[in-house]
Protein backbone atom coordinates (compact mmCIF):
# COMPACT_ATOMS: atom_id res chain seq x y z
CA MET A 1 -37.85 -25.63 24.43
CA VAL A 2 -34.20 -26.85 24.67
CA ALA A 3 -32.50 -29.78 23.08
CA ASP A 4 -31.11 -31.66 25.93
CA ARG A 5 -28.63 -33.63 23.80
CA VAL A 6 -28.40 -34.75 20.12
CA ARG A 7 -28.01 -38.55 18.91
CA TRP A 8 -27.37 -39.89 15.81
CA ASN A 9 -29.81 -42.83 15.00
CA GLY A 10 -28.14 -44.82 11.83
CA ASN A 11 -27.76 -41.97 9.35
CA THR A 12 -30.00 -39.51 11.01
CA LEU A 13 -29.38 -36.71 13.71
CA VAL A 14 -32.32 -37.14 16.30
CA PRO A 15 -32.37 -34.56 18.93
CA VAL A 16 -33.57 -35.52 22.58
CA TRP A 17 -36.07 -32.61 23.48
CA GLN A 18 -36.26 -31.35 27.36
CA TRP A 19 -39.59 -29.20 27.24
CA SER A 20 -40.58 -26.82 29.72
CA ARG A 21 -44.22 -26.81 28.40
CA VAL A 22 -46.12 -28.33 25.72
CA ILE A 23 -45.13 -26.59 22.46
CA SER A 24 -48.77 -25.58 20.19
CA GLY A 25 -49.49 -23.43 17.39
CA ARG A 26 -46.68 -21.86 15.18
CA THR A 27 -43.96 -23.41 17.39
CA SER A 28 -44.95 -26.37 16.60
CA GLY A 29 -44.53 -25.93 12.99
CA GLU A 30 -41.18 -24.64 13.56
CA LEU A 31 -40.02 -27.68 15.48
CA THR A 32 -41.19 -29.87 12.70
CA ASP A 33 -39.04 -28.02 10.16
CA LEU A 34 -36.27 -28.08 12.37
CA GLU A 35 -36.44 -31.81 12.64
CA GLN A 36 -36.52 -32.00 8.97
CA MET A 37 -33.43 -30.06 8.55
CA LEU A 38 -31.67 -31.84 10.98
CA SER A 39 -32.60 -35.25 9.64
CA SER A 40 -30.95 -34.07 6.17
CA ALA A 41 -27.48 -33.38 7.63
CA ALA A 42 -24.57 -35.52 6.70
CA THR A 43 -23.28 -38.23 9.32
CA PRO A 44 -19.94 -37.08 10.76
CA PRO A 45 -16.82 -39.15 10.09
CA SER A 46 -16.71 -41.58 13.37
CA ASP A 47 -12.66 -41.85 13.26
CA LYS A 48 -12.35 -37.98 13.27
CA ASP A 49 -12.66 -35.14 15.77
CA ASP A 50 -14.48 -32.01 15.01
CA SER A 51 -12.11 -29.23 13.54
CA TRP A 52 -12.27 -25.81 11.77
CA VAL A 53 -12.21 -25.68 7.66
CA TRP A 54 -11.35 -22.31 6.35
CA LYS A 55 -13.97 -22.43 3.40
CA LEU A 56 -12.67 -19.60 1.82
CA CYS A 57 -9.58 -21.41 0.51
CA GLY A 58 -9.92 -24.55 -1.34
CA SER A 59 -7.14 -26.05 1.13
CA GLY A 60 -9.37 -25.64 3.96
CA ILE A 61 -6.49 -24.40 5.93
CA PHE A 62 -6.59 -20.95 7.07
CA SER A 63 -3.22 -18.65 6.27
CA THR A 64 -2.28 -15.03 6.58
CA LYS A 65 -0.98 -14.96 2.95
CA ALA A 66 -4.68 -16.62 1.47
CA LEU A 67 -6.41 -13.88 3.73
CA THR A 68 -4.27 -11.23 2.17
CA LYS A 69 -4.96 -12.12 -1.25
CA LEU A 70 -8.48 -12.13 -0.95
CA LEU A 71 -8.60 -8.68 0.98
CA MET A 72 -6.38 -7.31 -2.16
CA VAL A 73 -8.94 -8.59 -4.55
CA SER A 74 -11.76 -7.31 -2.73
CA CYS A 75 -10.53 -3.81 -2.03
CA PHE A 76 -8.33 -3.28 -5.13
CA PRO A 77 -10.03 -5.49 -8.07
CA PRO A 78 -7.49 -6.34 -10.68
CA ASN A 79 -9.64 -4.31 -13.24
CA SER A 80 -10.01 -1.06 -10.96
CA THR A 81 -7.04 0.42 -12.46
CA ASN A 82 -4.69 0.44 -15.47
CA LEU A 83 -1.68 0.99 -13.25
CA ALA A 84 0.51 -2.11 -12.61
CA THR A 85 2.10 -1.79 -9.36
CA LEU A 86 5.93 -0.82 -9.10
CA LYS A 87 8.17 -2.52 -7.25
CA ASN A 88 11.82 -1.54 -6.02
CA LYS A 89 13.61 -3.75 -3.67
CA LEU A 90 16.67 -1.11 -2.72
CA VAL A 91 14.01 1.19 -0.58
CA PRO A 92 11.60 0.18 2.28
CA ILE A 93 8.63 -1.04 1.84
CA LYS A 94 7.13 2.02 3.36
CA VAL A 95 8.55 3.85 0.37
CA GLY A 96 6.89 1.56 -2.23
CA VAL A 97 3.57 1.80 -0.45
CA PHE A 98 4.01 5.44 -0.46
CA ILE A 99 4.51 5.26 -4.43
CA TRP A 100 1.70 2.82 -4.64
CA ARG A 101 -0.64 5.52 -2.87
CA ALA A 102 0.83 8.56 -4.83
CA ARG A 103 0.33 7.14 -8.18
CA ARG A 104 -3.21 6.66 -7.52
CA ASN A 105 -3.98 10.01 -5.81
CA ARG A 106 -4.17 8.46 -2.58
CA ILE A 107 -1.91 10.58 -0.50
CA PRO A 108 -3.68 13.22 1.80
CA VAL A 109 -3.02 16.38 -0.23
CA LEU A 110 -5.84 19.13 0.22
CA PHE A 111 -7.31 18.85 -3.16
CA GLU A 112 -8.02 15.27 -2.59
CA LEU A 113 -9.30 15.80 1.29
CA ASP A 114 -11.57 18.47 -0.39
CA LYS A 115 -12.94 16.14 -2.92
CA ARG A 116 -13.91 13.87 -0.26
CA GLY A 117 -15.88 16.41 1.75
CA ILE A 118 -13.37 17.50 4.39
CA ASP A 119 -14.13 21.39 5.34
CA LEU A 120 -10.65 22.85 4.99
CA HIS A 121 -9.66 26.46 5.23
CA SER A 122 -7.49 26.29 2.39
CA VAL A 123 -6.68 24.33 -0.62
CA LEU A 124 -3.60 25.88 -1.50
CA CYS A 125 -0.19 24.40 -1.42
CA PRO A 126 1.20 24.91 1.94
CA LEU A 127 4.90 25.20 0.54
CA CYS A 128 4.20 28.01 -2.23
CA ASP A 129 0.31 29.15 -1.08
CA ASN A 130 -0.16 29.93 -4.57
CA THR A 131 -1.51 26.98 -6.09
CA ILE A 132 -4.08 24.14 -5.35
CA GLU A 133 -2.27 21.37 -3.85
CA SER A 134 -2.38 18.21 -5.89
CA VAL A 135 -0.10 15.35 -5.93
CA ASP A 136 1.53 16.58 -8.92
CA HIS A 137 2.15 19.96 -7.58
CA THR A 138 3.40 18.93 -4.32
CA LEU A 139 5.50 16.19 -5.68
CA PHE A 140 6.94 17.63 -8.88
CA SER A 141 5.95 21.04 -9.84
CA CYS A 142 5.74 23.53 -6.98
CA PRO A 143 8.39 25.99 -7.25
CA LYS A 144 9.81 25.17 -3.73
CA VAL A 145 10.01 21.35 -4.89
CA ARG A 146 11.44 22.62 -8.08
CA GLU A 147 14.44 24.01 -6.49
CA ILE A 148 14.95 20.84 -4.64
CA TRP A 149 14.70 18.80 -8.06
CA VAL A 150 17.08 20.88 -9.91
CA LYS A 151 19.90 20.81 -7.10
CA ILE A 152 18.83 16.53 -7.47
CA TYR A 153 19.57 16.72 -11.20
CA LYS A 154 22.97 18.93 -10.85
CA TRP A 155 24.14 16.63 -8.04
CA TRP A 156 23.55 13.95 -10.70
CA GLY A 157 25.61 15.91 -13.48
CA MET A 158 22.41 16.68 -15.71
CA ASN A 159 21.59 19.75 -16.76
CA ALA A 160 18.82 21.57 -14.58
CA ALA A 161 16.92 22.53 -18.02
CA SER A 162 16.36 18.62 -18.38
CA TYR A 163 13.83 19.11 -15.69
CA GLY A 164 10.35 18.40 -16.64
CA LEU A 165 11.61 16.52 -19.79
CA ILE A 166 10.17 13.41 -17.83
CA SER A 167 6.86 13.48 -16.55
CA LEU A 168 5.99 12.68 -13.00
CA GLU A 169 4.90 8.97 -13.93
CA GLY A 170 7.82 8.86 -16.07
CA LEU A 171 9.86 9.54 -12.49
CA TYR A 172 7.80 6.73 -10.74
CA ARG A 173 8.76 4.23 -13.35
CA GLY A 174 12.57 5.36 -13.01
CA GLU A 175 12.97 6.66 -16.57
CA THR A 176 16.10 8.90 -17.26
CA THR A 177 17.80 11.13 -19.58
CA PHE A 178 20.89 9.15 -19.68
CA GLN A 179 21.98 5.67 -20.64
CA CYS A 180 22.40 3.40 -17.43
CA SER A 181 22.19 -0.34 -17.00
CA ASP A 182 19.34 -2.53 -15.71
CA LEU A 183 20.82 -2.17 -11.84
CA GLY A 184 21.52 1.59 -12.71
CA ALA A 185 17.86 2.30 -13.46
CA LYS A 186 16.83 0.48 -10.43
CA VAL A 187 19.37 2.76 -8.26
CA TRP A 188 18.17 5.86 -10.02
CA GLN A 189 14.36 4.81 -9.15
CA ALA A 190 15.26 4.10 -6.03
CA MET A 191 16.61 7.51 -5.57
CA VAL A 192 13.72 9.20 -7.05
CA TRP A 193 11.14 7.28 -4.81
CA THR A 194 13.22 8.21 -2.09
CA SER A 195 13.30 11.90 -3.07
CA PHE A 196 9.58 11.71 -3.36
CA TYR A 197 9.20 10.34 0.05
CA LEU A 198 11.20 12.95 1.70
CA ILE A 199 9.78 15.92 0.09
CA TRP A 200 6.25 14.49 1.21
CA LYS A 201 8.16 14.54 4.72
CA ASN A 202 8.92 17.85 4.21
CA ARG A 203 5.54 19.20 3.41
CA ASN A 204 4.19 17.68 6.30
CA GLN A 205 6.66 19.35 8.81
CA LYS A 206 5.29 22.85 7.12
CA VAL A 207 1.71 21.48 7.50
CA PHE A 208 2.34 20.26 11.33
CA ASN A 209 5.22 22.19 12.56
CA LYS A 210 5.17 25.22 10.41
CA SER A 211 8.50 24.74 9.19
CA CYS A 212 10.52 22.91 6.16
CA TRP A 213 13.97 22.38 4.94
CA SER A 214 15.37 24.70 2.70
CA SER A 215 16.29 23.28 -0.57
CA PRO A 216 20.14 22.57 0.44
CA VAL A 217 19.47 21.05 3.59
CA ALA A 218 16.64 19.09 1.58
CA LEU A 219 19.14 17.65 -0.86
CA ASN A 220 21.39 16.58 1.80
CA GLU A 221 18.45 14.74 3.57
CA ILE A 222 17.87 12.88 0.14
CA GLN A 223 21.77 12.13 -0.52
CA VAL A 224 21.96 10.75 3.22
CA LYS A 225 18.82 8.75 3.16
CA SER A 226 18.98 7.19 -0.38
CA PHE A 227 22.58 6.32 0.47
CA GLU A 228 21.83 4.55 3.52
CA TRP A 229 18.74 2.75 2.04
CA ILE A 230 20.18 1.65 -1.43
CA ALA A 231 23.80 0.87 -0.33
CA LYS A 232 22.40 -1.52 2.15
CA ARG A 233 20.17 -3.06 0.16
CA CYS A 234 22.00 -3.29 -3.30
CA LYS A 235 23.81 -6.83 -3.10
CA THR A 236 25.37 -6.65 -6.75
CA LYS A 237 27.42 -3.74 -6.68
CA ASN A 238 29.39 -1.99 -3.61
CA ILE A 239 28.38 1.64 -3.26
CA GLU A 240 30.64 4.02 -1.47
CA TRP A 241 29.56 7.32 0.21
CA LEU A 242 32.13 9.57 -1.45
CA ASP A 243 31.25 7.78 -5.24
CA TRP A 244 27.69 8.33 -4.07
CA LEU A 245 28.05 12.21 -3.04
CA GLN A 246 30.34 13.17 -5.89
CA ASN A 247 29.50 11.07 -8.96
CA PRO A 248 26.58 9.24 -8.53
CA SER A 249 25.80 8.57 -12.22
CA SER A 250 29.02 6.68 -12.66
CA LEU A 251 27.42 4.35 -10.19
CA VAL A 252 24.46 3.29 -12.59
CA VAL A 253 26.46 2.97 -15.96
């Protein structure tokens, strides 16, 4: 059976049927149920055209922002973690996303891949080949990575022995062993985040290209890239390259 057209009879929706054969049995009962459903339909406004309505938003209007919020709540419920999202506008969004993932153990280190049932030849760190590769190990405690961090600390005028006084989470949050202004804390945090991002990039070089930077080269990459990102985005302080290279801690007081 096919409804040739539908018309409104007062406040009731009335289908005009065009039958190809006489209906009987169960089909007749289904037709009765259908007609009852149609009769309860509300009368559409006569002065408005049909339009789409986004029912997942109170305004009824679709927007990318509203959809993003719904997806974030669905994928990452507010009570799913006690880690508040950290933000730093002195680095690109991709760096902030990387830090967000790293703090939640969602970067593909070998230990996390193994936990998810991926068959691996080894779960040992590809840099030192001595310890299981976890996020903490890859970004912070691997002997090869420690060499880079020691050079970073010396670059900032800190005693290398102070490395390790701040936890990995403390570094994520931008904690320091020296006094600095609010802006200085953001600059330090941005440099630390850049270092994490480039250390991970260096690790991937080792995994996929069988090569990685030496610690002096890694330090140079961190100095150049962190200056490029921070100096461009810092609107309240003029950061000069020579100052950044020779005495960066003076810029955060």
